[in-house]
Each structure stands twice: as structure tokens, then as C-alpha cells.
Amino acid sequence: MDVQVVREIRALLSLGLTAEETLPFVDCLRAGNDRADVCPASLEAYRQRIAEIDRRVSELTALRGELAGLLREAESYRPAAEASNSEASNPEGDRR
């Protein structure tokens, strides 16, 4: 039983759960279940972890969008003097 508990804890930690979040799984095994994730508290722990991952994905997606916008803006940036010189040498706006 102890070996199974340690394996379960290691597996859950590798999935990003904290030591505290593994407790429902340990309790489930210690209650005599063959699997650590068949108890209602274990299932809820999975749901909470999935919800946290979803929140992080949303935050990272928003952050990526902001960074991509800044990158596009920086890549297309032309100093004011350069823009003025370009317009002065080509007043009709013809593209060369």
C-alpha cells in the first residue's frame, strides 16, 4: 500500500498538483479503493486542477496576444524623421 501511495503522489506531483492537493487521492487509497482517483474528493481535485490550467492557458493566450501586437508594432516602426524624409522626397505618395 505505501509503495502505491508514493507512486500515486509522484504521478500527481508530476502533473502539477501540490502535495496538499494529493491528499484526497491518498485518502482514497487508504480507504481501500484500488484506484486513488475514484472517490468524489479525488474527482473534484482533478476538476480544480483542470480549471486552474484553463485559467493559466487563458492568461498566457492574452499575454501572447499583447506581445505579438508589440512585436508587430516594433517591426513596422519608422522613426518620425525617416517618415518625414520619405514623404518630403516623394510628396505625391508614389510608391517606389
N, C-alpha and C. Protein backbone atom coordinates (compact mmCIF):
# COMPACT_ATOMS: atom_id res chain seq x y z
N MET A 1 0.83 -1.20 0.00
CA MET A 1 0.00 0.00 0.00
C MET A 1 0.87 1.25 0.00
N ASP A 2 1.90 1.31 0.84
CA ASP A 2 2.73 2.51 0.90
C ASP A 2 3.44 2.80 -0.41
N VAL A 3 3.89 1.73 -1.09
CA VAL A 3 4.54 1.91 -2.39
C VAL A 3 3.54 2.49 -3.39
N GLN A 4 2.33 2.02 -3.37
CA GLN A 4 1.29 2.53 -4.27
C GLN A 4 1.00 4.00 -3.95
N VAL A 5 0.96 4.36 -2.68
CA VAL A 5 0.71 5.75 -2.27
C VAL A 5 1.83 6.65 -2.79
N VAL A 6 3.07 6.21 -2.61
CA VAL A 6 4.22 7.01 -3.08
C VAL A 6 4.17 7.17 -4.58
N ARG A 7 3.88 6.12 -5.30
CA ARG A 7 3.78 6.20 -6.77
C ARG A 7 2.69 7.18 -7.19
N GLU A 8 1.56 7.09 -6.50
CA GLU A 8 0.44 7.98 -6.83
C GLU A 8 0.82 9.44 -6.57
N ILE A 9 1.44 9.71 -5.44
CA ILE A 9 1.85 11.07 -5.10
C ILE A 9 2.83 11.59 -6.14
N ARG A 10 3.81 10.79 -6.50
CA ARG A 10 4.80 11.22 -7.51
C ARG A 10 4.12 11.53 -8.84
N ALA A 11 3.19 10.67 -9.24
CA ALA A 11 2.49 10.89 -10.51
C ALA A 11 1.69 12.19 -10.47
N LEU A 12 1.01 12.42 -9.36
CA LEU A 12 0.20 13.64 -9.23
C LEU A 12 1.08 14.89 -9.16
N LEU A 13 2.20 14.81 -8.47
CA LEU A 13 3.11 15.94 -8.42
C LEU A 13 3.65 16.26 -9.81
N SER A 14 3.90 15.22 -10.61
CA SER A 14 4.41 15.45 -11.97
C SER A 14 3.36 16.13 -12.85
N LEU A 15 2.09 16.04 -12.44
CA LEU A 15 1.01 16.71 -13.18
C LEU A 15 0.74 18.12 -12.67
N GLY A 16 1.56 18.55 -11.72
CA GLY A 16 1.44 19.92 -11.24
C GLY A 16 0.61 20.09 -9.99
N LEU A 17 0.10 19.02 -9.42
CA LEU A 17 -0.64 19.15 -8.17
C LEU A 17 0.35 19.41 -7.04
N THR A 18 -0.09 20.14 -6.05
CA THR A 18 0.75 20.36 -4.88
C THR A 18 0.62 19.15 -3.95
N ALA A 19 1.52 19.07 -2.98
CA ALA A 19 1.45 17.97 -2.01
C ALA A 19 0.09 17.96 -1.31
N GLU A 20 -0.39 19.13 -0.98
CA GLU A 20 -1.69 19.23 -0.30
C GLU A 20 -2.82 18.73 -1.20
N GLU A 21 -2.73 19.02 -2.48
CA GLU A 21 -3.77 18.60 -3.42
C GLU A 21 -3.79 17.09 -3.66
N THR A 22 -2.73 16.40 -3.27
CA THR A 22 -2.69 14.94 -3.43
C THR A 22 -3.41 14.22 -2.29
N LEU A 23 -3.73 14.92 -1.21
CA LEU A 23 -4.34 14.27 -0.05
C LEU A 23 -5.63 13.50 -0.35
N PRO A 24 -6.56 14.05 -1.14
CA PRO A 24 -7.77 13.27 -1.43
C PRO A 24 -7.46 11.92 -2.11
N PHE A 25 -6.42 11.89 -2.90
CA PHE A 25 -6.04 10.66 -3.60
C PHE A 25 -5.46 9.65 -2.60
N VAL A 26 -4.63 10.13 -1.70
CA VAL A 26 -4.06 9.27 -0.67
C VAL A 26 -5.17 8.72 0.21
N ASP A 27 -6.08 9.60 0.62
CA ASP A 27 -7.21 9.16 1.45
C ASP A 27 -8.04 8.11 0.73
N CYS A 28 -8.21 8.27 -0.56
CA CYS A 28 -9.00 7.33 -1.35
C CYS A 28 -8.34 5.95 -1.35
N LEU A 29 -7.02 5.91 -1.53
CA LEU A 29 -6.31 4.63 -1.48
C LEU A 29 -6.39 4.02 -0.09
N ARG A 30 -6.18 4.83 0.91
CA ARG A 30 -6.19 4.34 2.29
C ARG A 30 -7.58 3.86 2.72
N ALA A 31 -8.61 4.30 2.01
CA ALA A 31 -9.97 3.85 2.29
C ALA A 31 -10.23 2.46 1.70
N GLY A 32 -9.22 1.93 0.99
CA GLY A 32 -9.34 0.57 0.46
C GLY A 32 -9.69 0.49 -1.01
N ASN A 33 -9.72 1.63 -1.69
CA ASN A 33 -10.02 1.62 -3.12
C ASN A 33 -8.79 1.16 -3.92
N ASP A 34 -9.05 0.51 -5.05
CA ASP A 34 -7.96 0.06 -5.93
C ASP A 34 -7.29 1.23 -6.64
N ARG A 35 -8.06 2.26 -6.87
CA ARG A 35 -7.55 3.46 -7.56
C ARG A 35 -7.67 4.65 -6.65
N ALA A 36 -6.75 5.59 -6.83
CA ALA A 36 -6.75 6.79 -5.98
C ALA A 36 -7.70 7.86 -6.49
N ASP A 37 -8.20 7.69 -7.69
CA ASP A 37 -9.00 8.76 -8.30
C ASP A 37 -10.47 8.41 -8.49
N VAL A 38 -10.98 7.45 -7.72
CA VAL A 38 -12.38 7.07 -7.87
C VAL A 38 -13.29 7.70 -6.82
N CYS A 39 -12.72 8.37 -5.87
CA CYS A 39 -13.51 9.00 -4.80
C CYS A 39 -13.96 10.40 -5.23
N PRO A 40 -15.09 10.85 -4.74
CA PRO A 40 -15.58 12.18 -5.11
C PRO A 40 -14.56 13.30 -4.85
N ALA A 41 -13.83 13.25 -3.77
CA ALA A 41 -12.85 14.31 -3.47
C ALA A 41 -11.70 14.29 -4.47
N SER A 42 -11.31 13.11 -4.92
CA SER A 42 -10.26 13.00 -5.94
C SER A 42 -10.73 13.57 -7.27
N LEU A 43 -11.95 13.24 -7.62
CA LEU A 43 -12.52 13.77 -8.87
C LEU A 43 -12.60 15.28 -8.82
N GLU A 44 -12.97 15.82 -7.67
CA GLU A 44 -13.04 17.28 -7.53
C GLU A 44 -11.64 17.90 -7.63
N ALA A 45 -10.65 17.21 -7.08
CA ALA A 45 -9.27 17.70 -7.19
C ALA A 45 -8.83 17.76 -8.65
N TYR A 46 -9.20 16.75 -9.45
CA TYR A 46 -8.93 16.78 -10.89
C TYR A 46 -9.62 17.99 -11.53
N ARG A 47 -10.89 18.18 -11.21
CA ARG A 47 -11.65 19.30 -11.80
C ARG A 47 -11.00 20.64 -11.46
N GLN A 48 -10.58 20.79 -10.21
CA GLN A 48 -9.95 22.05 -9.79
C GLN A 48 -8.63 22.27 -10.52
N ARG A 49 -7.86 21.22 -10.69
CA ARG A 49 -6.57 21.35 -11.40
C ARG A 49 -6.81 21.71 -12.86
N ILE A 50 -7.79 21.08 -13.48
CA ILE A 50 -8.12 21.39 -14.87
C ILE A 50 -8.57 22.84 -15.00
N ALA A 51 -9.39 23.31 -14.06
CA ALA A 51 -9.85 24.70 -14.08
C ALA A 51 -8.67 25.66 -13.94
N GLU A 52 -7.73 25.33 -13.08
CA GLU A 52 -6.54 26.17 -12.91
C GLU A 52 -5.71 26.21 -14.20
N ILE A 53 -5.55 25.07 -14.83
CA ILE A 53 -4.82 25.03 -16.11
C ILE A 53 -5.54 25.87 -17.15
N ASP A 54 -6.86 25.77 -17.21
CA ASP A 54 -7.64 26.57 -18.16
C ASP A 54 -7.44 28.07 -17.91
N ARG A 55 -7.42 28.47 -16.63
CA ARG A 55 -7.18 29.89 -16.31
C ARG A 55 -5.79 30.32 -16.78
N ARG A 56 -4.81 29.47 -16.53
CA ARG A 56 -3.44 29.81 -16.93
C ARG A 56 -3.31 29.89 -18.44
N VAL A 57 -3.96 28.97 -19.15
CA VAL A 57 -3.93 29.00 -20.62
C VAL A 57 -4.54 30.30 -21.12
N SER A 58 -5.65 30.72 -20.53
CA SER A 58 -6.29 31.98 -20.93
C SER A 58 -5.37 33.16 -20.66
N GLU A 59 -4.75 33.18 -19.50
CA GLU A 59 -3.82 34.27 -19.17
C GLU A 59 -2.64 34.29 -20.14
N LEU A 60 -2.08 33.12 -20.42
CA LEU A 60 -0.94 33.05 -21.34
C LEU A 60 -1.34 33.43 -22.76
N THR A 61 -2.55 33.06 -23.18
CA THR A 61 -3.03 33.42 -24.51
C THR A 61 -3.17 34.94 -24.63
N ALA A 62 -3.71 35.57 -23.60
CA ALA A 62 -3.84 37.03 -23.60
C ALA A 62 -2.47 37.69 -23.62
N LEU A 63 -1.55 37.18 -22.82
CA LEU A 63 -0.20 37.72 -22.78
C LEU A 63 0.49 37.57 -24.12
N ARG A 64 0.30 36.42 -24.75
CA ARG A 64 0.89 36.20 -26.07
C ARG A 64 0.36 37.20 -27.08
N GLY A 65 -0.95 37.44 -27.03
CA GLY A 65 -1.56 38.41 -27.93
C GLY A 65 -0.97 39.80 -27.75
N GLU A 66 -0.79 40.20 -26.51
CA GLU A 66 -0.18 41.51 -26.24
C GLU A 66 1.24 41.59 -26.78
N LEU A 67 2.02 40.55 -26.53
CA LEU A 67 3.40 40.53 -27.00
C LEU A 67 3.47 40.51 -28.52
N ALA A 68 2.60 39.75 -29.16
CA ALA A 68 2.58 39.69 -30.62
C ALA A 68 2.23 41.06 -31.20
N GLY A 69 1.30 41.76 -30.56
CA GLY A 69 0.96 43.11 -31.01
C GLY A 69 2.12 44.07 -30.87
N LEU A 70 2.83 43.99 -29.76
CA LEU A 70 4.01 44.84 -29.56
C LEU A 70 5.09 44.52 -30.59
N LEU A 71 5.25 43.23 -30.89
CA LEU A 71 6.24 42.84 -31.88
C LEU A 71 5.88 43.39 -33.25
N ARG A 72 4.62 43.25 -33.65
CA ARG A 72 4.20 43.79 -34.96
C ARG A 72 4.43 45.30 -35.01
N GLU A 73 4.08 45.97 -33.92
CA GLU A 73 4.26 47.42 -33.85
C GLU A 73 5.73 47.79 -33.95
N ALA A 74 6.57 47.07 -33.25
CA ALA A 74 8.01 47.36 -33.26
C ALA A 74 8.62 47.08 -34.62
N GLU A 75 8.18 46.00 -35.27
CA GLU A 75 8.73 45.64 -36.57
C GLU A 75 8.34 46.64 -37.66
N SER A 76 7.21 47.29 -37.50
CA SER A 76 6.77 48.23 -38.53
C SER A 76 7.10 49.68 -38.16
N TYR A 77 7.78 49.88 -37.05
CA TYR A 77 8.10 51.23 -36.58
C TYR A 77 9.10 51.90 -37.50
N ARG A 78 8.81 53.16 -37.81
CA ARG A 78 9.74 54.01 -38.56
C ARG A 78 9.88 55.29 -37.77
N PRO A 79 11.09 55.70 -37.46
CA PRO A 79 11.27 56.96 -36.73
C PRO A 79 10.61 58.11 -37.47
N ALA A 80 10.16 59.12 -36.74
CA ALA A 80 9.46 60.26 -37.32
C ALA A 80 10.31 60.95 -38.38
N ALA A 81 11.59 61.11 -38.15
CA ALA A 81 12.48 61.77 -39.12
C ALA A 81 12.52 60.98 -40.42
N GLU A 82 12.59 59.69 -40.34
CA GLU A 82 12.63 58.85 -41.53
C GLU A 82 11.32 58.96 -42.30
N ALA A 83 10.21 58.95 -41.58
CA ALA A 83 8.91 59.08 -42.23
C ALA A 83 8.77 60.43 -42.91
N SER A 84 9.25 61.51 -42.25
CA SER A 84 9.17 62.85 -42.84
C SER A 84 10.03 62.94 -44.08
N ASN A 85 11.24 62.40 -44.04
CA ASN A 85 12.14 62.43 -45.19
C ASN A 85 11.55 61.66 -46.36
N SER A 86 10.93 60.55 -46.07
CA SER A 86 10.33 59.74 -47.13
C SER A 86 9.20 60.49 -47.79
N GLU A 87 8.37 61.17 -47.01
CA GLU A 87 7.26 61.93 -47.55
C GLU A 87 7.75 63.16 -48.30
N ALA A 88 8.81 63.81 -47.81
CA ALA A 88 9.34 65.01 -48.45
C ALA A 88 9.96 64.67 -49.80
N SER A 89 10.63 63.54 -49.91
CA SER A 89 11.26 63.17 -51.17
C SER A 89 10.26 62.58 -52.15
N ASN A 90 9.10 62.27 -51.67
CA ASN A 90 8.07 61.66 -52.51
C ASN A 90 6.72 62.28 -52.13
N PRO A 91 6.53 63.57 -52.38
CA PRO A 91 5.35 64.28 -51.90
C PRO A 91 4.03 63.76 -52.44
N GLU A 92 4.01 63.13 -53.57
CA GLU A 92 2.76 62.66 -54.13
C GLU A 92 2.36 61.30 -53.58
N GLY A 93 3.21 60.76 -52.72
CA GLY A 93 2.89 59.47 -52.10
C GLY A 93 3.06 58.30 -53.03
N ASP A 94 3.77 58.49 -54.17
CA ASP A 94 4.01 57.38 -55.08
C ASP A 94 4.89 56.35 -54.38
N ARG A 95 4.56 55.11 -54.59
CA ARG A 95 5.38 54.04 -54.01
C ARG A 95 6.50 53.73 -54.96
N ARG A 96 7.63 53.53 -54.43
CA ARG A 96 8.80 53.22 -55.27
C ARG A 96 9.18 51.79 -55.13
